PDB file of N, CA and C in Angstrom:
ATOM      1  N   UNK A   1     -79.193 -35.008-133.952  1.00  0.00           N
ATOM      2  CA  UNK A   1     -80.266 -34.301-133.075  1.00  0.00           C
ATOM      3  C   UNK A   1     -80.036 -32.897-133.180  1.00  0.00           C
ATOM      4  N   UNK A   2     -81.177 -32.083-133.219  1.00  0.00           N
ATOM      5  CA  UNK A   2     -81.013 -30.730-133.065  1.00  0.00           C
ATOM      6  C   UNK A   2     -81.493 -30.337-131.877  1.00  0.00           C
ATOM      7  N   UNK A   3     -80.710 -29.359-131.213  1.00  0.00           N
ATOM      8  CA  UNK A   3     -81.111 -29.014-129.923  1.00  0.00           C
ATOM      9  C   UNK A   3     -81.190 -27.345-129.955  1.00  0.00           C
ATOM     10  N   UNK A   4     -82.261 -26.836-129.397  1.00  0.00           N
ATOM     11  CA  UNK A   4     -82.173 -25.257-129.431  1.00  0.00           C
ATOM     12  C   UNK A   4     -82.438 -24.713-127.965  1.00  0.00           C
ATOM     13  N   UNK A   5     -81.734 -23.648-127.821  1.00  0.00           N
ATOM     14  CA  UNK A   5     -81.931 -23.075-126.293  1.00  0.00           C
ATOM     15  C   UNK A   5     -81.536 -21.649-126.526  1.00  0.00           C
ATOM     16  N   UNK A   6     -81.871 -20.810-125.575  1.00  0.00           N
ATOM     17  CA  UNK A   6     -81.643 -19.447-125.545  1.00  0.00           C
ATOM     18  C   UNK A   6     -80.801 -19.202-124.151  1.00  0.00           C
ATOM     19  N   UNK A   7     -80.259 -20.029-123.611  1.00  0.00           N
ATOM     20  CA  UNK A   7     -79.401 -20.126-122.487  1.00  0.00           C
ATOM     21  C   UNK A   7     -78.133 -19.149-122.675  1.00  0.00           C
ATOM     22  N   UNK A   8     -77.910 -18.265-121.661  1.00  0.00           N
ATOM     23  CA  UNK A   8     -76.843 -17.365-121.874  1.00  0.00           C
ATOM     24  C   UNK A   8     -75.825 -17.405-120.770  1.00  0.00           C
ATOM     25  N   UNK A   9     -75.956 -18.421-119.834  1.00  0.00           N
ATOM     26  CA  UNK A   9     -74.927 -18.559-118.902  1.00  0.00           C
ATOM     27  C   UNK A   9     -73.976 -19.614-119.166  1.00  0.00           C
ATOM     28  N   UNK A  10     -73.155 -19.976-118.211  1.00  0.00           N
ATOM     29  CA  UNK A  10     -72.079 -21.081-118.468  1.00  0.00           C
ATOM     30  C   UNK A  10     -72.844 -22.364-118.768  1.00  0.00           C
ATOM     31  N   UNK A  11     -72.313 -23.265-119.826  1.00  0.00           N
ATOM     32  CA  UNK A  11     -72.959 -24.345-120.239  1.00  0.00           C
ATOM     33  C   UNK A  11     -72.888 -25.407-119.051  1.00  0.00           C
ATOM     34  N   UNK A  12     -71.770 -25.372-118.228  1.00  0.00           N
ATOM     35  CA  UNK A  12     -71.761 -26.460-117.063  1.00  0.00           C
ATOM     36  C   UNK A  12     -73.071 -26.286-116.088  1.00  0.00           C
ATOM     37  N   UNK A  13     -73.348 -24.961-115.827  1.00  0.00           N
ATOM     38  CA  UNK A  13     -74.421 -24.834-114.848  1.00  0.00           C
ATOM     39  C   UNK A  13     -75.870 -25.300-115.592  1.00  0.00           C
ATOM     40  N   UNK A  14     -75.855 -25.104-116.896  1.00  0.00           N
ATOM     41  CA  UNK A  14     -77.036 -25.533-117.641  1.00  0.00           C
ATOM     42  C   UNK A  14     -77.155 -26.955-117.674  1.00  0.00           C
ATOM     43  N   UNK A  15     -76.179 -27.564-118.009  1.00  0.00           N
ATOM     44  CA  UNK A  15     -76.155 -29.127-117.996  1.00  0.00           C
ATOM     45  C   UNK A  15     -76.451 -29.717-116.717  1.00  0.00           C
ATOM     46  N   UNK A  16     -75.872 -29.201-115.679  1.00  0.00           N
ATOM     47  CA  UNK A  16     -75.985 -29.645-114.318  1.00  0.00           C
ATOM     48  C   UNK A  16     -77.335 -29.405-113.958  1.00  0.00           C
ATOM     49  N   UNK A  17     -77.945 -28.247-114.127  1.00  0.00           N
ATOM     50  CA  UNK A  17     -79.351 -28.013-113.665  1.00  0.00           C
ATOM     51  C   UNK A  17     -80.391 -28.930-114.496  1.00  0.00           C
ATOM     52  N   UNK A  18     -80.112 -29.255-115.738  1.00  0.00           N
ATOM     53  CA  UNK A  18     -81.088 -29.929-116.382  1.00  0.00           C
ATOM     54  C   UNK A  18     -80.855 -31.565-115.900  1.00  0.00           C
ATOM     55  N   UNK A  19     -79.715 -31.926-115.528  1.00  0.00           N
ATOM     56  CA  UNK A  19     -79.432 -33.349-115.248  1.00  0.00           C
ATOM     57  C   UNK A  19     -80.063 -33.525-113.945  1.00  0.00           C
ATOM     58  N   UNK A  20     -80.320 -32.435-113.113  1.00  0.00           N
ATOM     59  CA  UNK A  20     -80.852 -32.737-111.751  1.00  0.00           C
ATOM     60  C   UNK A  20     -82.496 -32.517-111.745  1.00  0.00           C
ATOM     61  N   UNK A  21     -82.832 -31.636-112.707  1.00  0.00           N
ATOM     62  CA  UNK A  21     -84.332 -31.591-112.602  1.00  0.00           C
ATOM     63  C   UNK A  21     -85.098 -32.223-113.623  1.00  0.00           C
ATOM     64  N   UNK A  22     -84.415 -32.919-114.538  1.00  0.00           N
ATOM     65  CA  UNK A  22     -84.948 -33.606-115.562  1.00  0.00           C
ATOM     66  C   UNK A  22     -84.424 -35.075-115.819  1.00  0.00           C
ATOM     67  N   UNK A  23     -83.974 -35.921-114.863  1.00  0.00           N
ATOM     68  CA  UNK A  23     -83.272 -37.011-115.082  1.00  0.00           C
ATOM     69  C   UNK A  23     -83.985 -38.081-115.909  1.00  0.00           C
ATOM     70  N   UNK A  24     -85.260 -38.222-115.867  1.00  0.00           N
ATOM     71  CA  UNK A  24     -85.992 -39.247-116.401  1.00  0.00           C
ATOM     72  C   UNK A  24     -85.885 -38.863-118.014  1.00  0.00           C
ATOM     73  N   UNK A  25     -86.223 -37.502-118.325  1.00  0.00           N
ATOM     74  CA  UNK A  25     -86.196 -37.054-119.667  1.00  0.00           C
ATOM     75  C   UNK A  25     -84.718 -37.119-120.388  1.00  0.00           C
ATOM     76  N   UNK A  26     -83.780 -36.952-119.549  1.00  0.00           N
ATOM     77  CA  UNK A  26     -82.247 -37.001-119.946  1.00  0.00           C
ATOM     78  C   UNK A  26     -81.976 -38.528-120.378  1.00  0.00           C
ATOM     79  N   UNK A  27     -82.498 -39.469-119.538  1.00  0.00           N
ATOM     80  CA  UNK A  27     -82.298 -40.918-119.814  1.00  0.00           C
ATOM     81  C   UNK A  27     -83.044 -41.266-120.943  1.00  0.00           C
ATOM     82  N   UNK A  28     -84.202 -40.713-121.247  1.00  0.00           N
ATOM     83  CA  UNK A  28     -84.998 -41.078-122.514  1.00  0.00           C
ATOM     84  C   UNK A  28     -84.365 -40.689-123.697  1.00  0.00           C
ATOM     85  N   UNK A  29     -83.864 -39.365-123.701  1.00  0.00           N
ATOM     86  CA  UNK A  29     -83.086 -38.908-124.884  1.00  0.00           C
ATOM     87  C   UNK A  29     -81.793 -39.384-125.229  1.00  0.00           C
ATOM     88  N   UNK A  30     -80.944 -39.496-124.053  1.00  0.00           N
ATOM     89  CA  UNK A  30     -79.524 -39.862-124.255  1.00  0.00           C
ATOM     90  C   UNK A  30     -79.044 -41.338-123.978  1.00  0.00           C
ATOM     91  N   UNK A  31     -79.994 -42.154-123.484  1.00  0.00           N
ATOM     92  CA  UNK A  31     -79.555 -43.456-123.157  1.00  0.00           C
ATOM     93  C   UNK A  31     -78.798 -44.375-124.156  1.00  0.00           C
ATOM     94  N   UNK A  32     -79.256 -43.997-125.433  1.00  0.00           N
ATOM     95  CA  UNK A  32     -78.807 -44.746-126.496  1.00  0.00           C
ATOM     96  C   UNK A  32     -77.308 -44.097-127.076  1.00  0.00           C
ATOM     97  N   UNK A  33     -76.933 -42.962-126.417  1.00  0.00           N
ATOM     98  CA  UNK A  33     -75.745 -42.349-126.932  1.00  0.00           C
ATOM     99  C   UNK A  33     -74.544 -43.072-126.345  1.00  0.00           C
ATOM    100  N   UNK A  34     -73.440 -43.100-127.190  1.00  0.00           N
ATOM    101  CA  UNK A  34     -72.163 -43.907-126.773  1.00  0.00           C
ATOM    102  C   UNK A  34     -71.661 -43.361-125.323  1.00  0.00           C
ATOM    103  N   UNK A  35     -71.628 -44.318-124.478  1.00  0.00           N
ATOM    104  CA  UNK A  35     -71.016 -44.033-123.074  1.00  0.00           C
ATOM    105  C   UNK A  35     -71.732 -43.030-122.180  1.00  0.00           C
ATOM    106  N   UNK A  36     -73.074 -42.817-122.478  1.00  0.00           N
ATOM    107  CA  UNK A  36     -73.705 -41.886-121.644  1.00  0.00           C
ATOM    108  C   UNK A  36     -73.803 -42.480-120.230  1.00  0.00           C
ATOM    109  N   UNK A  37     -73.374 -41.581-119.456  1.00  0.00           N
ATOM    110  CA  UNK A  37     -73.302 -42.178-117.953  1.00  0.00           C
ATOM    111  C   UNK A  37     -74.573 -41.799-117.073  1.00  0.00           C
ATOM    112  N   UNK A  38     -75.588 -41.262-117.540  1.00  0.00           N
ATOM    113  CA  UNK A  38     -76.820 -41.151-116.805  1.00  0.00           C
ATOM    114  C   UNK A  38     -76.697 -39.643-116.407  1.00  0.00           C
ATOM    115  N   UNK A  39     -77.836 -39.101-116.017  1.00  0.00           N
ATOM    116  CA  UNK A  39     -77.900 -37.695-115.689  1.00  0.00           C
ATOM    117  C   UNK A  39     -77.060 -37.328-114.264  1.00  0.00           C
ATOM    118  N   UNK A  40     -77.075 -38.474-113.407  1.00  0.00           N
ATOM    119  CA  UNK A  40     -76.480 -38.253-111.968  1.00  0.00           C
ATOM    120  C   UNK A  40     -75.521 -39.151-111.795  1.00  0.00           C
ATOM    121  N   UNK A  41     -74.417 -39.032-111.201  1.00  0.00           N
ATOM    122  CA  UNK A  41     -74.039 -37.821-110.584  1.00  0.00           C
ATOM    123  C   UNK A  41     -73.663 -36.839-111.819  1.00  0.00           C
ATOM    124  N   UNK A  42     -73.900 -35.581-111.496  1.00  0.00           N
ATOM    125  CA  UNK A  42     -73.648 -34.432-112.491  1.00  0.00           C
ATOM    126  C   UNK A  42     -72.244 -34.410-112.900  1.00  0.00           C
ATOM    127  N   UNK A  43     -71.352 -34.619-112.081  1.00  0.00           N
ATOM    128  CA  UNK A  43     -69.826 -34.554-112.369  1.00  0.00           C
ATOM    129  C   UNK A  43     -69.491 -35.573-113.682  1.00  0.00           C
ATOM    130  N   UNK A  44     -70.070 -36.675-113.506  1.00  0.00           N
ATOM    131  CA  UNK A  44     -69.952 -37.766-114.786  1.00  0.00           C
ATOM    132  C   UNK A  44     -70.516 -37.127-115.910  1.00  0.00           C
ATOM    133  N   UNK A  45     -71.761 -36.675-115.767  1.00  0.00           N
ATOM    134  CA  UNK A  45     -72.495 -36.024-116.949  1.00  0.00           C
ATOM    135  C   UNK A  45     -71.762 -34.838-117.564  1.00  0.00           C
ATOM    136  N   UNK A  46     -71.161 -34.043-116.819  1.00  0.00           N
ATOM    137  CA  UNK A  46     -70.277 -32.812-117.296  1.00  0.00           C
ATOM    138  C   UNK A  46     -69.078 -33.317-118.001  1.00  0.00           C
ATOM    139  N   UNK A  47     -68.439 -34.342-117.458  1.00  0.00           N
ATOM    140  CA  UNK A  47     -67.169 -34.979-118.208  1.00  0.00           C
ATOM    141  C   UNK A  47     -67.713 -35.616-119.373  1.00  0.00           C
ATOM    142  N   UNK A  48     -68.743 -36.280-119.574  1.00  0.00           N
ATOM    143  CA  UNK A  48     -69.200 -36.871-120.729  1.00  0.00           C
ATOM    144  C   UNK A  48     -69.582 -35.772-121.885  1.00  0.00           C
ATOM    145  N   UNK A  49     -70.367 -34.731-121.431  1.00  0.00           N
ATOM    146  CA  UNK A  49     -70.656 -33.640-122.371  1.00  0.00           C
ATOM    147  C   UNK A  49     -69.431 -32.990-123.008  1.00  0.00           C
ATOM    148  N   UNK A  50     -68.342 -32.817-122.087  1.00  0.00           N
ATOM    149  CA  UNK A  50     -67.147 -32.059-122.550  1.00  0.00           C
ATOM    150  C   UNK A  50     -66.452 -33.006-123.502  1.00  0.00           C
ATOM    151  N   UNK A  51     -66.498 -34.144-123.488  1.00  0.00           N
ATOM    152  CA  UNK A  51     -65.831 -35.104-124.360  1.00  0.00           C
ATOM    153  C   UNK A  51     -66.621 -35.112-125.779  1.00  0.00           C
ATOM    154  N   UNK A  52     -67.980 -35.353-125.735  1.00  0.00           N
ATOM    155  CA  UNK A  52     -68.687 -35.639-126.703  1.00  0.00           C
ATOM    156  C   UNK A  52     -69.400 -34.364-127.589  1.00  0.00           C
ATOM    157  N   UNK A  53     -69.280 -33.152-126.863  1.00  0.00           N
ATOM    158  CA  UNK A  53     -69.858 -31.969-127.324  1.00  0.00           C
ATOM    159  C   UNK A  53     -68.965 -31.417-128.726  1.00  0.00           C
ATOM    160  N   UNK A  54     -69.626 -31.198-129.721  1.00  0.00           N
ATOM    161  CA  UNK A  54     -69.160 -30.657-130.864  1.00  0.00           C
ATOM    162  C   UNK A  54     -69.372 -29.310-131.058  1.00  0.00           C
ATOM    163  N   UNK A  55     -69.866 -28.541-130.097  1.00  0.00           N
ATOM    164  CA  UNK A  55     -70.085 -27.059-130.160  1.00  0.00           C
ATOM    165  C   UNK A  55     -71.320 -26.787-131.087  1.00  0.00           C
ATOM    166  N   UNK A  56     -71.668 -25.571-131.215  1.00  0.00           N
ATOM    167  CA  UNK A  56     -72.680 -25.202-132.096  1.00  0.00           C
ATOM    168  C   UNK A  56     -72.170 -25.146-133.489  1.00  0.00           C
ATOM    169  N   UNK A  57     -73.086 -25.604-134.346  1.00  0.00           N
ATOM    170  CA  UNK A  57     -72.703 -25.830-135.747  1.00  0.00           C
ATOM    171  C   UNK A  57     -73.320 -24.521-136.465  1.00  0.00           C
ATOM    172  N   UNK A  58     -74.413 -24.018-136.002  1.00  0.00           N
ATOM    173  CA  UNK A  58     -75.004 -22.926-136.536  1.00  0.00           C
ATOM    174  C   UNK A  58     -75.696 -22.038-135.339  1.00  0.00           C
ATOM    175  N   UNK A  59     -75.568 -20.772-135.463  1.00  0.00           N
ATOM    176  CA  UNK A  59     -76.192 -20.064-134.524  1.00  0.00           C
ATOM    177  C   UNK A  59     -76.705 -18.692-135.056  1.00  0.00           C
ATOM    178  N   UNK A  60     -78.057 -18.446-134.892  1.00  0.00           N
ATOM    179  CA  UNK A  60     -78.546 -17.161-135.376  1.00  0.00           C
ATOM    180  C   UNK A  60     -79.240 -16.433-134.188  1.00  0.00           C
ATOM    181  N   UNK A  61     -79.099 -15.057-134.109  1.00  0.00           N
ATOM    182  CA  UNK A  61     -79.736 -14.397-133.313  1.00  0.00           C
ATOM    183  C   UNK A  61     -80.247 -13.094-133.918  1.00  0.00           C
ATOM    184  N   UNK A  62     -81.465 -12.703-133.566  1.00  0.00           N
ATOM    185  CA  UNK A  62     -81.957 -11.422-134.173  1.00  0.00           C
ATOM    186  C   UNK A  62     -81.479 -10.149-133.490  1.00  0.00           C
ATOM    187  N   UNK A  63     -80.716 -10.296-132.322  1.00  0.00           N
ATOM    188  CA  UNK A  63     -80.249  -9.142-131.368  1.00  0.00           C
ATOM    189  C   UNK A  63     -78.754  -8.777-131.689  1.00  0.00           C
ATOM    190  N   UNK A  64     -78.166  -9.274-132.666  1.00  0.00           N
ATOM    191  CA  UNK A  64     -76.655  -9.073-132.835  1.00  0.00           C
ATOM    192  C   UNK A  64     -75.856 -10.051-131.991  1.00  0.00           C
ATOM    193  N   UNK A  65     -74.785 -10.178-132.103  1.00  0.00           N
ATOM    194  CA  UNK A  65     -73.820 -11.062-131.434  1.00  0.00           C
ATOM    195  C   UNK A  65     -73.531 -11.067-129.991  1.00  0.00           C
ATOM    196  N   UNK A  66     -73.799  -9.845-129.319  1.00  0.00           N
ATOM    197  CA  UNK A  66     -73.590  -9.775-128.053  1.00  0.00           C
ATOM    198  C   UNK A  66     -74.812  -9.626-126.927  1.00  0.00           C
ATOM    199  N   UNK A  67     -76.015  -9.538-127.687  1.00  0.00           N
ATOM    200  CA  UNK A  67     -77.141  -9.289-126.849  1.00  0.00           C
ATOM    201  C   UNK A  67     -77.752 -10.776-126.444  1.00  0.00           C
ATOM    202  N   UNK A  68     -78.055 -10.833-125.251  1.00  0.00           N
ATOM    203  CA  UNK A  68     -78.751 -11.921-124.720  1.00  0.00           C
ATOM    204  C   UNK A  68     -80.249 -11.653-124.522  1.00  0.00           C
ATOM    205  N   UNK A  69     -80.942 -12.683-124.068  1.00  0.00           N
ATOM    206  CA  UNK A  69     -82.292 -12.416-123.814  1.00  0.00           C
ATOM    207  C   UNK A  69     -82.494 -11.434-122.740  1.00  0.00           C
ATOM    208  N   UNK A  70     -81.658 -11.588-121.738  1.00  0.00           N
ATOM    209  CA  UNK A  70     -81.721 -10.831-120.439  1.00  0.00           C
ATOM    210  C   UNK A  70     -81.382  -9.363-120.842  1.00  0.00           C
ATOM    211  N   UNK A  71     -80.439  -9.187-121.786  1.00  0.00           N
ATOM    212  CA  UNK A  71     -79.970  -7.889-122.214  1.00  0.00           C
ATOM    213  C   UNK A  71     -81.063  -7.246-122.843  1.00  0.00           C
ATOM    214  N   UNK A  72     -81.858  -7.826-123.830  1.00  0.00           N
ATOM    215  CA  UNK A  72     -83.018  -7.235-124.463  1.00  0.00           C
ATOM    216  C   UNK A  72     -83.963  -6.917-123.739  1.00  0.00           C
ATOM    217  N   UNK A  73     -84.473  -7.838-122.699  1.00  0.00           N
ATOM    218  CA  UNK A  73     -85.389  -7.571-121.757  1.00  0.00           C
ATOM    219  C   UNK A  73     -85.143  -6.359-120.897  1.00  0.00           C
ATOM    220  N   UNK A  74     -83.872  -6.140-120.513  1.00  0.00           N
ATOM    221  CA  UNK A  74     -83.437  -5.113-119.645  1.00  0.00           C
ATOM    222  C   UNK A  74     -83.710  -3.838-120.580  1.00  0.00           C
ATOM    223  N   UNK A  75     -83.144  -3.854-121.782  1.00  0.00           N
ATOM    224  CA  UNK A  75     -83.163  -2.612-122.561  1.00  0.00           C
ATOM    225  C   UNK A  75     -84.639  -2.124-122.750  1.00  0.00           C
ATOM    226  N   UNK A  76     -85.600  -2.966-122.844  1.00  0.00           N
ATOM    227  CA  UNK A  76     -86.884  -2.771-123.227  1.00  0.00           C
ATOM    228  C   UNK A  76     -87.567  -2.226-121.986  1.00  0.00           C
ATOM    229  N   UNK A  77     -87.035  -2.578-120.831  1.00  0.00           N
ATOM    230  CA  UNK A  77     -87.454  -2.001-119.531  1.00  0.00           C
ATOM    231  C   UNK A  77     -86.998  -0.661-119.313  1.00  0.00           C
ATOM    232  N   UNK A  78     -85.817  -0.518-119.713  1.00  0.00           N
ATOM    233  CA  UNK A  78     -85.215   0.748-119.715  1.00  0.00           C
ATOM    234  C   UNK A  78     -85.664   2.003-120.448  1.00  0.00           C
ATOM    235  N   UNK A  79     -86.028   1.481-121.710  1.00  0.00           N
ATOM    236  CA  UNK A  79     -86.457   2.509-122.841  1.00  0.00           C
ATOM    237  C   UNK A  79     -87.557   3.446-122.245  1.00  0.00           C
ATOM    238  N   UNK A  80     -88.591   3.223-121.553  1.00  0.00           N
ATOM    239  CA  UNK A  80     -89.613   4.323-121.115  1.00  0.00           C
ATOM    240  C   UNK A  80     -88.935   5.184-120.156  1.00  0.00           C
ATOM    241  N   UNK A  81     -88.164   4.710-119.230  1.00  0.00           N
ATOM    242  CA  UNK A  81     -87.505   5.458-118.275  1.00  0.00           C
ATOM    243  C   UNK A  81     -86.536   6.347-118.842  1.00  0.00           C
ATOM    244  N   UNK A  82     -85.918   5.961-119.761  1.00  0.00           N
ATOM    245  CA  UNK A  82     -84.919   6.971-120.507  1.00  0.00           C
ATOM    246  C   UNK A  82     -85.527   7.951-121.287  1.00  0.00           C
ATOM    247  N   UNK A  83     -86.660   7.565-121.804  1.00  0.00           N
ATOM    248  CA  UNK A  83     -87.468   8.517-122.567  1.00  0.00           C
ATOM    249  C   UNK A  83     -88.005   9.736-121.637  1.00  0.00           C
ATOM    250  N   UNK A  84     -88.507   9.147-120.620  1.00  0.00           N
ATOM    251  CA  UNK A  84     -89.088  10.168-119.447  1.00  0.00           C
ATOM    252  C   UNK A  84     -87.848  11.053-119.077  1.00  0.00           C
ATOM    253  N   UNK A  85     -86.629  10.590-118.816  1.00  0.00           N
ATOM    254  CA  UNK A  85     -85.602  11.270-118.304  1.00  0.00           C
ATOM    255  C   UNK A  85     -85.178  12.273-119.302  1.00  0.00           C
ATOM    256  N   UNK A  86     -85.155  11.917-120.613  1.00  0.00           N
ATOM    257  CA  UNK A  86     -84.690  12.949-121.631  1.00  0.00           C
ATOM    258  C   UNK A  86     -85.730  14.123-121.747  1.00  0.00           C
ATOM    259  N   UNK A  87     -87.034  13.714-121.610  1.00  0.00           N
ATOM    260  CA  UNK A  87     -88.093  14.832-121.563  1.00  0.00           C
ATOM    261  C   UNK A  87     -87.832  15.763-120.323  1.00  0.00           C
ATOM    262  N   UNK A  88     -87.428  15.172-119.119  1.00  0.00           N
ATOM    263  CA  UNK A  88     -87.553  15.916-117.856  1.00  0.00           C
ATOM    264  C   UNK A  88     -86.271  16.726-117.778  1.00  0.00           C
ATOM    265  N   UNK A  89     -85.140  16.322-118.575  1.00  0.00           N
ATOM    266  CA  UNK A  89     -83.926  17.172-118.360  1.00  0.00           C
ATOM    267  C   UNK A  89     -83.724  18.157-119.566  1.00  0.00           C
ATOM    268  N   UNK A  90     -84.454  18.282-120.527  1.00  0.00           N
ATOM    269  CA  UNK A  90     -84.604  19.080-121.685  1.00  0.00           C
ATOM    270  C   UNK A  90     -84.416  20.571-121.145  1.00  0.00           C
ATOM    271  N   UNK A  91     -83.353  21.164-121.567  1.00  0.00           N
ATOM    272  CA  UNK A  91     -83.265  22.566-121.309  1.00  0.00           C
ATOM    273  C   UNK A  91     -82.413  22.935-120.012  1.00  0.00           C
ATOM    274  N   UNK A  92     -82.220  21.900-119.167  1.00  0.00           N
ATOM    275  CA  UNK A  92     -81.497  22.172-117.879  1.00  0.00           C
ATOM    276  C   UNK A  92     -80.091  22.443-118.056  1.00  0.00           C
ATOM    277  N   UNK A  93     -79.383  23.221-117.097  1.00  0.00           N
ATOM    278  CA  UNK A  93     -78.021  23.592-117.135  1.00  0.00           C
ATOM    279  C   UNK A  93     -77.201  22.416-116.810  1.00  0.00           C
ATOM    280  N   UNK A  94     -76.027  22.527-116.973  1.00  0.00           N
ATOM    281  CA  UNK A  94     -74.976  21.333-116.754  1.00  0.00           C
ATOM    282  C   UNK A  94     -75.030  20.841-115.245  1.00  0.00           C
ATOM    283  N   UNK A  95     -74.993  21.707-114.291  1.00  0.00           N
ATOM    284  CA  UNK A  95     -75.052  21.250-112.948  1.00  0.00           C
ATOM    285  C   UNK A  95     -76.275  20.513-112.483  1.00  0.00           C
ATOM    286  N   UNK A  96     -77.497  21.028-112.745  1.00  0.00           N
ATOM    287  CA  UNK A  96     -78.744  20.267-112.710  1.00  0.00           C
ATOM    288  C   UNK A  96     -78.829  18.936-113.464  1.00  0.00           C
ATOM    289  N   UNK A  97     -78.473  19.164-114.703  1.00  0.00           N
ATOM    290  CA  UNK A  97     -78.403  17.865-115.543  1.00  0.00           C
ATOM    291  C   UNK A  97     -77.467  16.780-114.770  1.00  0.00           C
ATOM    292  N   UNK A  98     -76.192  17.192-114.483  1.00  0.00           N
ATOM    293  CA  UNK A  98     -75.495  16.271-113.895  1.00  0.00           C
ATOM    294  C   UNK A  98     -75.991  15.510-112.682  1.00  0.00           C
ATOM    295  N   UNK A  99     -76.675  16.349-111.627  1.00  0.00           N
ATOM    296  CA  UNK A  99     -77.183  15.833-110.491  1.00  0.00           C
ATOM    297  C   UNK A  99     -78.308  14.676-110.952  1.00  0.00           C
ATOM    298  N   UNK A 100     -79.130  15.150-111.955  1.00  0.00           N
ATOM    299  CA  UNK A 100     -80.186  14.234-112.212  1.00  0.00           C
ATOM    300  C   UNK A 100     -79.627  12.991-112.952  1.00  0.00           C
ATOM    301  N   UNK A 101     -78.663  13.196-113.735  1.00  0.00           N
ATOM    302  CA  UNK A 101     -78.059  12.047-114.544  1.00  0.00           C
ATOM    303  C   UNK A 101     -77.534  11.045-113.412  1.00  0.00           C
ATOM    304  N   UNK A 102     -76.751  11.441-112.455  1.00  0.00           N
ATOM    305  CA  UNK A 102     -76.427  10.551-111.450  1.00  0.00           C
ATOM    306  C   UNK A 102     -77.394   9.847-110.702  1.00  0.00           C
ATOM    307  N   UNK A 103     -78.521  10.602-110.353  1.00  0.00           N
ATOM    308  CA  UNK A 103     -79.646  10.029-109.683  1.00  0.00           C
ATOM    309  C   UNK A 103     -80.290   8.980-110.673  1.00  0.00           C
ATOM    310  N   UNK A 104     -80.575   9.297-111.978  1.00  0.00           N
ATOM    311  CA  UNK A 104     -81.149   8.398-112.974  1.00  0.00           C
ATOM    312  C   UNK A 104     -80.220   7.052-113.023  1.00  0.00           C
ATOM    313  N   UNK A 105     -78.988   7.221-113.203  1.00  0.00           N
ATOM    314  CA  UNK A 105     -78.156   5.967-113.455  1.00  0.00           C
ATOM    315  C   UNK A 105     -78.152   5.138-112.213  1.00  0.00           C
ATOM    316  N   UNK A 106     -78.248   5.669-111.030  1.00  0.00           N
ATOM    317  CA  UNK A 106     -78.420   4.957-109.786  1.00  0.00           C
ATOM    318  C   UNK A 106     -79.634   4.184-109.637  1.00  0.00           C
ATOM    319  N   UNK A 107     -80.875   4.746-110.129  1.00  0.00           N
ATOM    320  CA  UNK A 107     -82.035   4.200-110.109  1.00  0.00           C
ATOM    321  C   UNK A 107     -82.231   3.059-111.147  1.00  0.00           C
ATOM    322  N   UNK A 108     -81.450   3.178-112.307  1.00  0.00           N
ATOM    323  CA  UNK A 108     -81.687   2.177-113.341  1.00  0.00           C
ATOM    324  C   UNK A 108     -80.475   1.298-113.459  1.00  0.00           C
ATOM    325  N   UNK A 109     -79.471   1.273-112.434  1.00  0.00           N
ATOM    326  CA  UNK A 109     -78.291   0.515-112.412  1.00  0.00           C
ATOM    327  C   UNK A 109     -78.496  -1.067-112.878  1.00  0.00           C
ATOM    328  N   UNK A 110     -79.571  -1.517-112.376  1.00  0.00           N
ATOM    329  CA  UNK A 110     -79.982  -2.989-112.645  1.00  0.00           C
ATOM    330  C   UNK A 110     -80.163  -3.176-114.003  1.00  0.00           C
ATOM    331  N   UNK A 111     -80.588  -2.100-114.814  1.00  0.00           N
ATOM    332  CA  UNK A 111     -81.017  -2.347-116.261  1.00  0.00           C
ATOM    333  C   UNK A 111     -79.892  -1.950-117.108  1.00  0.00           C
ATOM    334  N   UNK A 112     -78.790  -1.374-116.837  1.00  0.00           N
ATOM    335  CA  UNK A 112     -77.758  -0.989-117.654  1.00  0.00           C
ATOM    336  C   UNK A 112     -76.346  -1.829-117.273  1.00  0.00           C
TER     337      UNK A 112
END
């Protein structure tokens, strides 16, 4: 079976969430698998996945090996704000630049 996802969190929360919100679909897909315990209780499902998971056989990303979809999304949101900041501080002295840099990084801290 081929499975594709762009999940970037811990696998345990991913499996647990899917087991809770998609129990019928999980039974449909996995009920023929050896010793499948069912999607609930999630603790049994997590133990089963831990035993039978073989890890990713192949992984490709166009963003490099450290970027997640969330990282790329934040970078895209940051880009116009950084461009505007660079334009606004062009030619400022070090003291004023420092003040504006601290203000800018505070304003965009959720994106960096």
